Amino acid sequence: MMASIIVPVFNRKHLITPCIHSLLQQKMPDYEIIIIDDSSTDGTEDVLRAIPQDDRLSIIRTHKNCGPAYARNRGIERSKGQFIALIDSDCIAHPNWLAEIIRPFHEDL
């Protein structure tokens, strides 16, 4: 079962890289990461462009700053996963974070 991780980001150039690296280390086989850059003005866009390409990672930039709720909803619209996980751009996810969120749903299937 695929999961989609949605990460809204606005002006977090010093925090977004550790967040993304932690998400790329998740111990789950099938997931995507959708970063929504909500028109950052501090260089976040450049930092995101510098992250090595990964098939699990998509970066979307809004044309104007609309806030985190809009960014999350935009990410959800683009998601392909059966499950949606939301995380903020200043968070570091434990390697089992996503698997633990999804585990209760697997037990019920």
PDB file of N, CA and C in Angstrom:
ATOM      1  N   MET A   1       0.836  -1.182   0.000  1.00  0.00           N
ATOM      2  CA  MET A   1       0.000   0.000   0.000  1.00  0.00           C
ATOM      3  C   MET A   1       0.876   1.240   0.000  1.00  0.00           C
ATOM      4  N   MET A   2       0.565   2.126  -0.884  1.00  0.00           N
ATOM      5  CA  MET A   2       1.379   3.325  -1.023  1.00  0.00           C
ATOM      6  C   MET A   2       0.895   4.436  -0.094  1.00  0.00           C
ATOM      7  N   ALA A   3       1.858   5.202   0.400  1.00  0.00           N
ATOM      8  CA  ALA A   3       1.555   6.358   1.244  1.00  0.00           C
ATOM      9  C   ALA A   3       2.152   7.599   0.593  1.00  0.00           C
ATOM     10  N   SER A   4       1.513   8.725   0.826  1.00  0.00           N
ATOM     11  CA  SER A   4       1.999  10.016   0.348  1.00  0.00           C
ATOM     12  C   SER A   4       2.297  10.898   1.554  1.00  0.00           C
ATOM     13  N   ILE A   5       3.508  11.417   1.599  1.00  0.00           N
ATOM     14  CA  ILE A   5       3.910  12.345   2.657  1.00  0.00           C
ATOM     15  C   ILE A   5       3.849  13.748   2.066  1.00  0.00           C
ATOM     16  N   ILE A   6       3.100  14.627   2.708  1.00  0.00           N
ATOM     17  CA  ILE A   6       2.922  15.995   2.246  1.00  0.00           C
ATOM     18  C   ILE A   6       3.680  16.928   3.188  1.00  0.00           C
ATOM     19  N   VAL A   7       4.532  17.786   2.607  1.00  0.00           N
ATOM     20  CA  VAL A   7       5.346  18.710   3.396  1.00  0.00           C
ATOM     21  C   VAL A   7       5.178  20.131   2.850  1.00  0.00           C
ATOM     22  N   PRO A   8       4.409  20.977   3.524  1.00  0.00           N
ATOM     23  CA  PRO A   8       4.366  22.377   3.109  1.00  0.00           C
ATOM     24  C   PRO A   8       5.622  23.086   3.626  1.00  0.00           C
ATOM     25  N   VAL A   9       6.150  24.005   2.827  1.00  0.00           N
ATOM     26  CA  VAL A   9       7.346  24.730   3.263  1.00  0.00           C
ATOM     27  C   VAL A   9       7.254  26.181   2.808  1.00  0.00           C
ATOM     28  N   PHE A  10       7.624  27.067   3.727  1.00  0.00           N
ATOM     29  CA  PHE A  10       7.707  28.487   3.405  1.00  0.00           C
ATOM     30  C   PHE A  10       8.874  29.083   4.184  1.00  0.00           C
ATOM     31  N   ASN A  11       9.873  29.569   3.458  1.00  0.00           N
ATOM     32  CA  ASN A  11      11.039  30.230   4.056  1.00  0.00           C
ATOM     33  C   ASN A  11      11.694  29.391   5.154  1.00  0.00           C
ATOM     34  N   ARG A  12      12.083  28.177   4.781  1.00  0.00           N
ATOM     35  CA  ARG A  12      12.758  27.266   5.716  1.00  0.00           C
ATOM     36  C   ARG A  12      14.033  26.703   5.112  1.00  0.00           C
ATOM     37  N   LYS A  13      14.795  27.544   4.431  1.00  0.00           N
ATOM     38  CA  LYS A  13      15.963  27.035   3.702  1.00  0.00           C
ATOM     39  C   LYS A  13      16.959  26.309   4.602  1.00  0.00           C
ATOM     40  N   HIS A  14      17.030  26.666   5.870  1.00  0.00           N
ATOM     41  CA  HIS A  14      17.976  26.013   6.778  1.00  0.00           C
ATOM     42  C   HIS A  14      17.404  24.758   7.421  1.00  0.00           C
ATOM     43  N   LEU A  15      16.113  24.517   7.270  1.00  0.00           N
ATOM     44  CA  LEU A  15      15.486  23.386   7.942  1.00  0.00           C
ATOM     45  C   LEU A  15      14.971  22.303   6.999  1.00  0.00           C
ATOM     46  N   ILE A  16      14.711  22.632   5.744  1.00  0.00           N
ATOM     47  CA  ILE A  16      14.045  21.686   4.856  1.00  0.00           C
ATOM     48  C   ILE A  16      14.924  20.501   4.470  1.00  0.00           C
ATOM     49  N   THR A  17      16.217  20.694   4.303  1.00  0.00           N
ATOM     50  CA  THR A  17      17.086  19.584   3.893  1.00  0.00           C
ATOM     51  C   THR A  17      17.104  18.456   4.920  1.00  0.00           C
ATOM     52  N   PRO A  18      17.303  18.726   6.217  1.00  0.00           N
ATOM     53  CA  PRO A  18      17.256  17.622   7.186  1.00  0.00           C
ATOM     54  C   PRO A  18      15.896  16.917   7.212  1.00  0.00           C
ATOM     55  N   CYS A  19      14.837  17.671   7.028  1.00  0.00           N
ATOM     56  CA  CYS A  19      13.498  17.076   6.989  1.00  0.00           C
ATOM     57  C   CYS A  19      13.399  16.085   5.825  1.00  0.00           C
ATOM     58  N   ILE A  20      13.788  16.524   4.643  1.00  0.00           N
ATOM     59  CA  ILE A  20      13.689  15.663   3.467  1.00  0.00           C
ATOM     60  C   ILE A  20      14.590  14.442   3.618  1.00  0.00           C
ATOM     61  N   HIS A  21      15.803  14.624   4.099  1.00  0.00           N
ATOM     62  CA  HIS A  21      16.697  13.479   4.289  1.00  0.00           C
ATOM     63  C   HIS A  21      16.085  12.452   5.246  1.00  0.00           C
ATOM     64  N   SER A  22      15.438  12.917   6.300  1.00  0.00           N
ATOM     65  CA  SER A  22      14.812  11.975   7.230  1.00  0.00           C
ATOM     66  C   SER A  22      13.655  11.238   6.561  1.00  0.00           C
ATOM     67  N   LEU A  23      12.936  11.911   5.687  1.00  0.00           N
ATOM     68  CA  LEU A  23      11.819  11.264   4.998  1.00  0.00           C
ATOM     69  C   LEU A  23      12.303  10.250   3.965  1.00  0.00           C
ATOM     70  N   LEU A  24      13.430  10.515   3.349  1.00  0.00           N
ATOM     71  CA  LEU A  24      13.985   9.571   2.385  1.00  0.00           C
ATOM     72  C   LEU A  24      14.534   8.312   3.055  1.00  0.00           C
ATOM     73  N   GLN A  25      14.696   8.335   4.366  1.00  0.00           N
ATOM     74  CA  GLN A  25      15.215   7.190   5.122  1.00  0.00           C
ATOM     75  C   GLN A  25      14.119   6.334   5.745  1.00  0.00           C
ATOM     76  N   GLN A  26      12.877   6.562   5.379  1.00  0.00           N
ATOM     77  CA  GLN A  26      11.774   5.805   5.972  1.00  0.00           C
ATOM     78  C   GLN A  26      11.879   4.324   5.629  1.00  0.00           C
ATOM     79  N   LYS A  27      11.568   3.490   6.619  1.00  0.00           N
ATOM     80  CA  LYS A  27      11.646   2.038   6.449  1.00  0.00           C
ATOM     81  C   LYS A  27      10.296   1.501   5.991  1.00  0.00           C
ATOM     82  N   MET A  28       9.920   1.929   4.829  1.00  0.00           N
ATOM     83  CA  MET A  28       8.677   1.491   4.207  1.00  0.00           C
ATOM     84  C   MET A  28       8.956   1.435   2.710  1.00  0.00           C
ATOM     85  N   PRO A  29       8.499   0.398   2.025  1.00  0.00           N
ATOM     86  CA  PRO A  29       8.911   0.239   0.627  1.00  0.00           C
ATOM     87  C   PRO A  29       8.225   1.150  -0.385  1.00  0.00           C
ATOM     88  N   ASP A  30       7.021   1.563  -0.148  1.00  0.00           N
ATOM     89  CA  ASP A  30       6.276   2.244  -1.210  1.00  0.00           C
ATOM     90  C   ASP A  30       5.666   3.546  -0.689  1.00  0.00           C
ATOM     91  N   TYR A  31       6.355   4.663  -0.970  1.00  0.00           N
ATOM     92  CA  TYR A  31       5.834   5.959  -0.555  1.00  0.00           C
ATOM     93  C   TYR A  31       6.399   7.054  -1.446  1.00  0.00           C
ATOM     94  N   GLU A  32       5.705   8.174  -1.438  1.00  0.00           N
ATOM     95  CA  GLU A  32       6.159   9.353  -2.159  1.00  0.00           C
ATOM     96  C   GLU A  32       6.215  10.524  -1.194  1.00  0.00           C
ATOM     97  N   ILE A  33       7.043  11.496  -1.531  1.00  0.00           N
ATOM     98  CA  ILE A  33       7.172  12.714  -0.735  1.00  0.00           C
ATOM     99  C   ILE A  33       6.831  13.877  -1.650  1.00  0.00           C
ATOM    100  N   ILE A  34       5.850  14.666  -1.256  1.00  0.00           N
ATOM    101  CA  ILE A  34       5.459  15.830  -2.046  1.00  0.00           C
ATOM    102  C   ILE A  34       5.753  17.079  -1.223  1.00  0.00           C
ATOM    103  N   ILE A  35       6.708  17.868  -1.700  1.00  0.00           N
ATOM    104  CA  ILE A  35       7.083  19.119  -1.053  1.00  0.00           C
ATOM    105  C   ILE A  35       6.341  20.239  -1.778  1.00  0.00           C
ATOM    106  N   ILE A  36       5.615  21.052  -1.035  1.00  0.00           N
ATOM    107  CA  ILE A  36       4.935  22.203  -1.615  1.00  0.00           C
ATOM    108  C   ILE A  36       5.643  23.457  -1.113  1.00  0.00           C
ATOM    109  N   ASP A  37       6.417  24.080  -1.997  1.00  0.00           N
ATOM    110  CA  ASP A  37       7.087  25.343  -1.658  1.00  0.00           C
ATOM    111  C   ASP A  37       6.070  26.460  -1.895  1.00  0.00           C
ATOM    112  N   ASP A  38       5.626  27.061  -0.823  1.00  0.00           N
ATOM    113  CA  ASP A  38       4.558  28.066  -0.871  1.00  0.00           C
ATOM    114  C   ASP A  38       5.132  29.454  -1.173  1.00  0.00           C
ATOM    115  N   SER A  39       5.851  29.547  -2.292  1.00  0.00           N
ATOM    116  CA  SER A  39       6.455  30.799  -2.769  1.00  0.00           C
ATOM    117  C   SER A  39       7.461  31.389  -1.781  1.00  0.00           C
ATOM    118  N   SER A  40       8.359  30.548  -1.301  1.00  0.00           N
ATOM    119  CA  SER A  40       9.409  31.034  -0.395  1.00  0.00           C
ATOM    120  C   SER A  40      10.229  32.131  -1.055  1.00  0.00           C
ATOM    121  N   THR A  41      10.713  33.047  -0.228  1.00  0.00           N
ATOM    122  CA  THR A  41      11.514  34.168  -0.716  1.00  0.00           C
ATOM    123  C   THR A  41      12.920  34.194  -0.121  1.00  0.00           C
ATOM    124  N   ASP A  42      13.284  33.188   0.658  1.00  0.00           N
ATOM    125  CA  ASP A  42      14.562  33.192   1.374  1.00  0.00           C
ATOM    126  C   ASP A  42      15.623  32.287   0.760  1.00  0.00           C
ATOM    127  N   GLY A  43      15.360  31.718  -0.413  1.00  0.00           N
ATOM    128  CA  GLY A  43      16.317  30.798  -1.023  1.00  0.00           C
ATOM    129  C   GLY A  43      15.932  29.341  -0.866  1.00  0.00           C
ATOM    130  N   THR A  44      14.793  29.065  -0.263  1.00  0.00           N
ATOM    131  CA  THR A  44      14.336  27.686  -0.111  1.00  0.00           C
ATOM    132  C   THR A  44      14.234  26.998  -1.466  1.00  0.00           C
ATOM    133  N   GLU A  45      13.755  27.709  -2.466  1.00  0.00           N
ATOM    134  CA  GLU A  45      13.616  27.121  -3.805  1.00  0.00           C
ATOM    135  C   GLU A  45      14.959  26.624  -4.319  1.00  0.00           C
ATOM    136  N   ASP A  46      16.023  27.376  -4.113  1.00  0.00           N
ATOM    137  CA  ASP A  46      17.358  26.963  -4.547  1.00  0.00           C
ATOM    138  C   ASP A  46      17.836  25.727  -3.785  1.00  0.00           C
ATOM    139  N   VAL A  47      17.561  25.692  -2.497  1.00  0.00           N
ATOM    140  CA  VAL A  47      17.928  24.533  -1.686  1.00  0.00           C
ATOM    141  C   VAL A  47      17.201  23.294  -2.199  1.00  0.00           C
ATOM    142  N   LEU A  48      15.922  23.428  -2.510  1.00  0.00           N
ATOM    143  CA  LEU A  48      15.144  22.290  -3.009  1.00  0.00           C
ATOM    144  C   LEU A  48      15.683  21.812  -4.358  1.00  0.00           C
ATOM    145  N   ARG A  49      16.063  22.724  -5.217  1.00  0.00           N
ATOM    146  CA  ARG A  49      16.624  22.346  -6.527  1.00  0.00           C
ATOM    147  C   ARG A  49      17.940  21.596  -6.376  1.00  0.00           C
ATOM    148  N   ALA A  50      18.681  21.871  -5.315  1.00  0.00           N
ATOM    149  CA  ALA A  50      19.990  21.246  -5.108  1.00  0.00           C
ATOM    150  C   ALA A  50      19.907  19.838  -4.521  1.00  0.00           C
ATOM    151  N   ILE A  51      18.750  19.424  -4.076  1.00  0.00           N
ATOM    152  CA  ILE A  51      18.603  18.087  -3.494  1.00  0.00           C
ATOM    153  C   ILE A  51      18.706  17.061  -4.615  1.00  0.00           C
ATOM    154  N   PRO A  52      19.519  16.019  -4.434  1.00  0.00           N
ATOM    155  CA  PRO A  52      19.658  15.011  -5.480  1.00  0.00           C
ATOM    156  C   PRO A  52      18.303  14.408  -5.876  1.00  0.00           C
ATOM    157  N   GLN A  53      18.161  14.155  -7.160  1.00  0.00           N
ATOM    158  CA  GLN A  53      16.924  13.605  -7.705  1.00  0.00           C
ATOM    159  C   GLN A  53      16.619  12.250  -7.077  1.00  0.00           C
ATOM    160  N   ASP A  54      15.367  12.022  -6.751  1.00  0.00           N
ATOM    161  CA  ASP A  54      14.897  10.755  -6.196  1.00  0.00           C
ATOM    162  C   ASP A  54      13.484  10.540  -6.724  1.00  0.00           C
ATOM    163  N   ASP A  55      13.198   9.361  -7.221  1.00  0.00           N
ATOM    164  CA  ASP A  55      11.882   9.081  -7.800  1.00  0.00           C
ATOM    165  C   ASP A  55      10.739   9.252  -6.803  1.00  0.00           C
ATOM    166  N   ARG A  56      11.033   9.151  -5.523  1.00  0.00           N
ATOM    167  CA  ARG A  56       9.985   9.305  -4.508  1.00  0.00           C
ATOM    168  C   ARG A  56       9.653  10.758  -4.218  1.00  0.00           C
ATOM    169  N   LEU A  57      10.466  11.681  -4.697  1.00  0.00           N
ATOM    170  CA  LEU A  57      10.368  13.088  -4.314  1.00  0.00           C
ATOM    171  C   LEU A  57       9.807  13.946  -5.444  1.00  0.00           C
ATOM    172  N   SER A  58       8.757  14.720  -5.124  1.00  0.00           N
ATOM    173  CA  SER A  58       8.189  15.703  -6.052  1.00  0.00           C
ATOM    174  C   SER A  58       8.196  17.059  -5.361  1.00  0.00           C
ATOM    175  N   ILE A  59       8.527  18.088  -6.122  1.00  0.00           N
ATOM    176  CA  ILE A  59       8.534  19.442  -5.573  1.00  0.00           C
ATOM    177  C   ILE A  59       7.611  20.301  -6.420  1.00  0.00           C
ATOM    178  N   ILE A  60       6.678  20.946  -5.756  1.00  0.00           N
ATOM    179  CA  ILE A  60       5.709  21.820  -6.419  1.00  0.00           C
ATOM    180  C   ILE A  60       5.871  23.204  -5.805  1.00  0.00           C
ATOM    181  N   ARG A  61       5.867  24.228  -6.626  1.00  0.00           N
ATOM    182  CA  ARG A  61       5.970  25.605  -6.127  1.00  0.00           C
ATOM    183  C   ARG A  61       4.691  26.348  -6.468  1.00  0.00           C
ATOM    184  N   THR A  62       4.130  27.023  -5.480  1.00  0.00           N
ATOM    185  CA  THR A  62       2.941  27.828  -5.718  1.00  0.00           C
ATOM    186  C   THR A  62       3.349  29.168  -6.335  1.00  0.00           C
ATOM    187  N   HIS A  63       2.416  29.809  -7.008  1.00  0.00           N
ATOM    188  CA  HIS A  63       2.699  31.100  -7.655  1.00  0.00           C
ATOM    189  C   HIS A  63       2.632  32.264  -6.683  1.00  0.00           C
ATOM    190  N   LYS A  64       1.941  32.061  -5.557  1.00  0.00           N
ATOM    191  CA  LYS A  64       1.915  33.074  -4.507  1.00  0.00           C
ATOM    192  C   LYS A  64       1.718  32.368  -3.175  1.00  0.00           C
ATOM    193  N   ASN A  65       2.125  33.020  -2.106  1.00  0.00           N
ATOM    194  CA  ASN A  65       2.006  32.433  -0.776  1.00  0.00           C
ATOM    195  C   ASN A  65       0.544  32.393  -0.357  1.00  0.00           C
ATOM    196  N   CYS A  66       0.059  31.188  -0.076  1.00  0.00           N
ATOM    197  CA  CYS A  66      -1.355  31.004   0.295  1.00  0.00           C
ATOM    198  C   CYS A  66      -1.523  30.352   1.661  1.00  0.00           C
ATOM    199  N   GLY A  67      -0.435  30.002   2.319  1.00  0.00           N
ATOM    200  CA  GLY A  67      -0.511  29.421   3.651  1.00  0.00           C
ATOM    201  C   GLY A  67      -0.413  27.909   3.650  1.00  0.00           C
ATOM    202  N   PRO A  68      -0.136  27.344   4.838  1.00  0.00           N
ATOM    203  CA  PRO A  68       0.111  25.904   4.935  1.00  0.00           C
ATOM    204  C   PRO A  68      -1.106  25.035   4.618  1.00  0.00           C
ATOM    205  N   ALA A  69      -2.308  25.482   4.949  1.00  0.00           N
ATOM    206  CA  ALA A  69      -3.493  24.663   4.645  1.00  0.00           C
ATOM    207  C   ALA A  69      -3.653  24.511   3.135  1.00  0.00           C
ATOM    208  N   TYR A  70      -3.493  25.606   2.406  1.00  0.00           N
ATOM    209  CA  TYR A  70      -3.571  25.551   0.948  1.00  0.00           C
ATOM    210  C   TYR A  70      -2.480  24.622   0.395  1.00  0.00           C
ATOM    211  N   ALA A  71      -1.264  24.776   0.907  1.00  0.00           N
ATOM    212  CA  ALA A  71      -0.149  23.952   0.433  1.00  0.00           C
ATOM    213  C   ALA A  71      -0.423  22.471   0.703  1.00  0.00           C
ATOM    214  N   ARG A  72      -0.917  22.142   1.881  1.00  0.00           N
ATOM    215  CA  ARG A  72      -1.244  20.738   2.185  1.00  0.00           C
ATOM    216  C   ARG A  72      -2.309  20.212   1.223  1.00  0.00           C
ATOM    217  N   ASN A  73      -3.353  20.994   1.019  1.00  0.00           N
ATOM    218  CA  ASN A  73      -4.417  20.556   0.118  1.00  0.00           C
ATOM    219  C   ASN A  73      -3.907  20.379  -1.307  1.00  0.00           C
ATOM    220  N   ARG A  74      -3.020  21.241  -1.733  1.00  0.00           N
ATOM    221  CA  ARG A  74      -2.437  21.112  -3.077  1.00  0.00           C
ATOM    222  C   ARG A  74      -1.631  19.824  -3.180  1.00  0.00           C
ATOM    223  N   GLY A  75      -0.907  19.499  -2.130  1.00  0.00           N
ATOM    224  CA  GLY A  75      -0.148  18.244  -2.109  1.00  0.00           C
ATOM    225  C   GLY A  75      -1.059  17.029  -2.118  1.00  0.00           C
ATOM    226  N   ILE A  76      -2.122  17.095  -1.352  1.00  0.00           N
ATOM    227  CA  ILE A  76      -3.073  15.979  -1.314  1.00  0.00           C
ATOM    228  C   ILE A  76      -3.703  15.770  -2.687  1.00  0.00           C
ATOM    229  N   GLU A  77      -4.019  16.865  -3.377  1.00  0.00           N
ATOM    230  CA  GLU A  77      -4.590  16.750  -4.731  1.00  0.00           C
ATOM    231  C   GLU A  77      -3.640  16.013  -5.678  1.00  0.00           C
ATOM    232  N   ARG A  78      -2.353  16.187  -5.498  1.00  0.00           N
ATOM    233  CA  ARG A  78      -1.353  15.572  -6.375  1.00  0.00           C
ATOM    234  C   ARG A  78      -0.931  14.174  -5.916  1.00  0.00           C
ATOM    235  N   SER A  79      -1.362  13.777  -4.732  1.00  0.00           N
ATOM    236  CA  SER A  79      -0.881  12.521  -4.153  1.00  0.00           C
ATOM    237  C   SER A  79      -1.448  11.307  -4.880  1.00  0.00           C
ATOM    238  N   LYS A  80      -0.678  10.222  -4.823  1.00  0.00           N
ATOM    239  CA  LYS A  80      -1.070   8.956  -5.428  1.00  0.00           C
ATOM    240  C   LYS A  80      -1.312   7.881  -4.378  1.00  0.00           C
ATOM    241  N   GLY A  81      -0.971   8.174  -3.136  1.00  0.00           N
ATOM    242  CA  GLY A  81      -1.036   7.167  -2.088  1.00  0.00           C
ATOM    243  C   GLY A  81      -2.438   6.902  -1.574  1.00  0.00           C
ATOM    244  N   GLN A  82      -2.590   5.714  -1.055  1.00  0.00           N
ATOM    245  CA  GLN A  82      -3.845   5.343  -0.391  1.00  0.00           C
ATOM    246  C   GLN A  82      -3.932   6.016   0.980  1.00  0.00           C
ATOM    247  N   PHE A  83      -2.772   6.296   1.560  1.00  0.00           N
ATOM    248  CA  PHE A  83      -2.691   6.951   2.856  1.00  0.00           C
ATOM    249  C   PHE A  83      -1.963   8.280   2.695  1.00  0.00           C
ATOM    250  N   ILE A  84      -2.372   9.269   3.485  1.00  0.00           N
ATOM    251  CA  ILE A  84      -1.753  10.592   3.479  1.00  0.00           C
ATOM    252  C   ILE A  84      -1.140  10.830   4.855  1.00  0.00           C
ATOM    253  N   ALA A  85       0.131  11.222   4.862  1.00  0.00           N
ATOM    254  CA  ALA A  85       0.813  11.590   6.102  1.00  0.00           C
ATOM    255  C   ALA A  85       1.273  13.039   5.959  1.00  0.00           C
ATOM    256  N   LEU A  86       0.980  13.845   6.955  1.00  0.00           N
ATOM    257  CA  LEU A  86       1.366  15.257   6.941  1.00  0.00           C
ATOM    258  C   LEU A  86       2.503  15.473   7.928  1.00  0.00           C
ATOM    259  N   ILE A  87       3.487  16.255   7.501  1.00  0.00           N
ATOM    260  CA  ILE A  87       4.594  16.600   8.386  1.00  0.00           C
ATOM    261  C   ILE A  87       5.027  18.019   8.035  1.00  0.00           C
ATOM    262  N   ASP A  88       5.499  18.754   9.020  1.00  0.00           N
ATOM    263  CA  ASP A  88       5.952  20.125   8.794  1.00  0.00           C
ATOM    264  C   ASP A  88       7.425  20.141   8.402  1.00  0.00           C
ATOM    265  N   SER A  89       7.820  21.192   7.742  1.00  0.00           N
ATOM    266  CA  SER A  89       9.163  21.299   7.172  1.00  0.00           C
ATOM    267  C   SER A  89      10.275  21.436   8.215  1.00  0.00           C
ATOM    268  N   ASP A  90       9.935  21.699   9.456  1.00  0.00           N
ATOM    269  CA  ASP A  90      10.947  21.815  10.498  1.00  0.00           C
ATOM    270  C   ASP A  90      11.051  20.549  11.345  1.00  0.00           C
ATOM    271  N   CYS A  91      10.426  19.467  10.895  1.00  0.00           N
ATOM    272  CA  CYS A  91      10.432  18.204  11.638  1.00  0.00           C
ATOM    273  C   CYS A  91      11.448  17.228  11.065  1.00  0.00           C
ATOM    274  N   ILE A  92      11.947  16.364  11.919  1.00  0.00           N
ATOM    275  CA  ILE A  92      12.810  15.261  11.533  1.00  0.00           C
ATOM    276  C   ILE A  92      12.045  13.987  11.887  1.00  0.00           C
ATOM    277  N   ALA A  93      11.790  13.151  10.884  1.00  0.00           N
ATOM    278  CA  ALA A  93      11.015  11.928  11.096  1.00  0.00           C
ATOM    279  C   ALA A  93      11.939  10.773  11.458  1.00  0.00           C
ATOM    280  N   HIS A  94      11.560  10.031  12.483  1.00  0.00           N
ATOM    281  CA  HIS A  94      12.254   8.801  12.845  1.00  0.00           C
ATOM    282  C   HIS A  94      12.118   7.830  11.674  1.00  0.00           C
ATOM    283  N   PRO A  95      13.094   6.969  11.411  1.00  0.00           N
ATOM    284  CA  PRO A  95      13.009   6.056  10.265  1.00  0.00           C
ATOM    285  C   PRO A  95      11.755   5.168  10.240  1.00  0.00           C
ATOM    286  N   ASN A  96      11.155   4.919  11.397  1.00  0.00           N
ATOM    287  CA  ASN A  96       9.936   4.095  11.456  1.00  0.00           C
ATOM    288  C   ASN A  96       8.659   4.926  11.516  1.00  0.00           C
ATOM    289  N   TRP A  97       8.776   6.232  11.425  1.00  0.00           N
ATOM    290  CA  TRP A  97       7.627   7.127  11.573  1.00  0.00           C
ATOM    291  C   TRP A  97       6.475   6.742  10.646  1.00  0.00           C
ATOM    292  N   LEU A  98       6.733   6.641   9.361  1.00  0.00           N
ATOM    293  CA  LEU A  98       5.666   6.363   8.405  1.00  0.00           C
ATOM    294  C   LEU A  98       5.098   4.962   8.587  1.00  0.00           C
ATOM    295  N   ALA A  99       5.955   3.985   8.775  1.00  0.00           N
ATOM    296  CA  ALA A  99       5.489   2.602   8.978  1.00  0.00           C
ATOM    297  C   ALA A  99       4.596   2.495  10.207  1.00  0.00           C
ATOM    298  N   GLU A 100       4.943   3.218  11.274  1.00  0.00           N
ATOM    299  CA  GLU A 100       4.129   3.177  12.496  1.00  0.00           C
ATOM    300  C   GLU A 100       2.782   3.875  12.308  1.00  0.00           C
ATOM    301  N   ILE A 101       2.746   4.921  11.494  1.00  0.00           N
ATOM    302  CA  ILE A 101       1.480   5.592  11.225  1.00  0.00           C
ATOM    303  C   ILE A 101       0.545   4.673  10.435  1.00  0.00           C
ATOM    304  N   ILE A 102       1.096   3.937   9.485  1.00  0.00           N
ATOM    305  CA  ILE A 102       0.308   3.088   8.594  1.00  0.00           C
ATOM    306  C   ILE A 102      -0.057   1.752   9.230  1.00  0.00           C
ATOM    307  N   ARG A 103       0.745   1.270  10.156  1.00  0.00           N
ATOM    308  CA  ARG A 103       0.566  -0.073  10.735  1.00  0.00           C
ATOM    309  C   ARG A 103      -0.850  -0.358  11.220  1.00  0.00           C
ATOM    310  N   PRO A 104      -1.514   0.515  11.963  1.00  0.00           N
ATOM    311  CA  PRO A 104      -2.873   0.182  12.424  1.00  0.00           C
ATOM    312  C   PRO A 104      -3.858  -0.070  11.280  1.00  0.00           C
ATOM    313  N   PHE A 105      -3.647   0.563  10.154  1.00  0.00           N
ATOM    314  CA  PHE A 105      -4.541   0.361   9.024  1.00  0.00           C
ATOM    315  C   PHE A 105      -4.333  -1.007   8.392  1.00  0.00           C
ATOM    316  N   HIS A 106      -3.100  -1.498   8.382  1.00  0.00           N
ATOM    317  CA  HIS A 106      -2.816  -2.820   7.857  1.00  0.00           C
ATOM    318  C   HIS A 106      -3.440  -3.889   8.738  1.00  0.00           C
ATOM    319  N   GLU A 107      -3.439  -3.672  10.043  1.00  0.00           N
ATOM    320  CA  GLU A 107      -4.002  -4.646  10.967  1.00  0.00           C
ATOM    321  C   GLU A 107      -5.499  -4.805  10.787  1.00  0.00           C
ATOM    322  N   ASP A 108      -6.165  -3.756  10.313  1.00  0.00           N
ATOM    323  CA  ASP A 108      -7.618  -3.815  10.128  1.00  0.00           C
ATOM    324  C   ASP A 108      -8.031  -4.395   8.779  1.00  0.00           C
ATOM    325  N   LEU A 109      -7.090  -4.576   7.861  1.00  0.00           N
ATOM    326  CA  LEU A 109      -7.445  -5.062   6.518  1.00  0.00           C
ATOM    327  C   LEU A 109      -7.543  -6.556   6.466  1.00  0.00           C
TER     328      LEU A 109
END
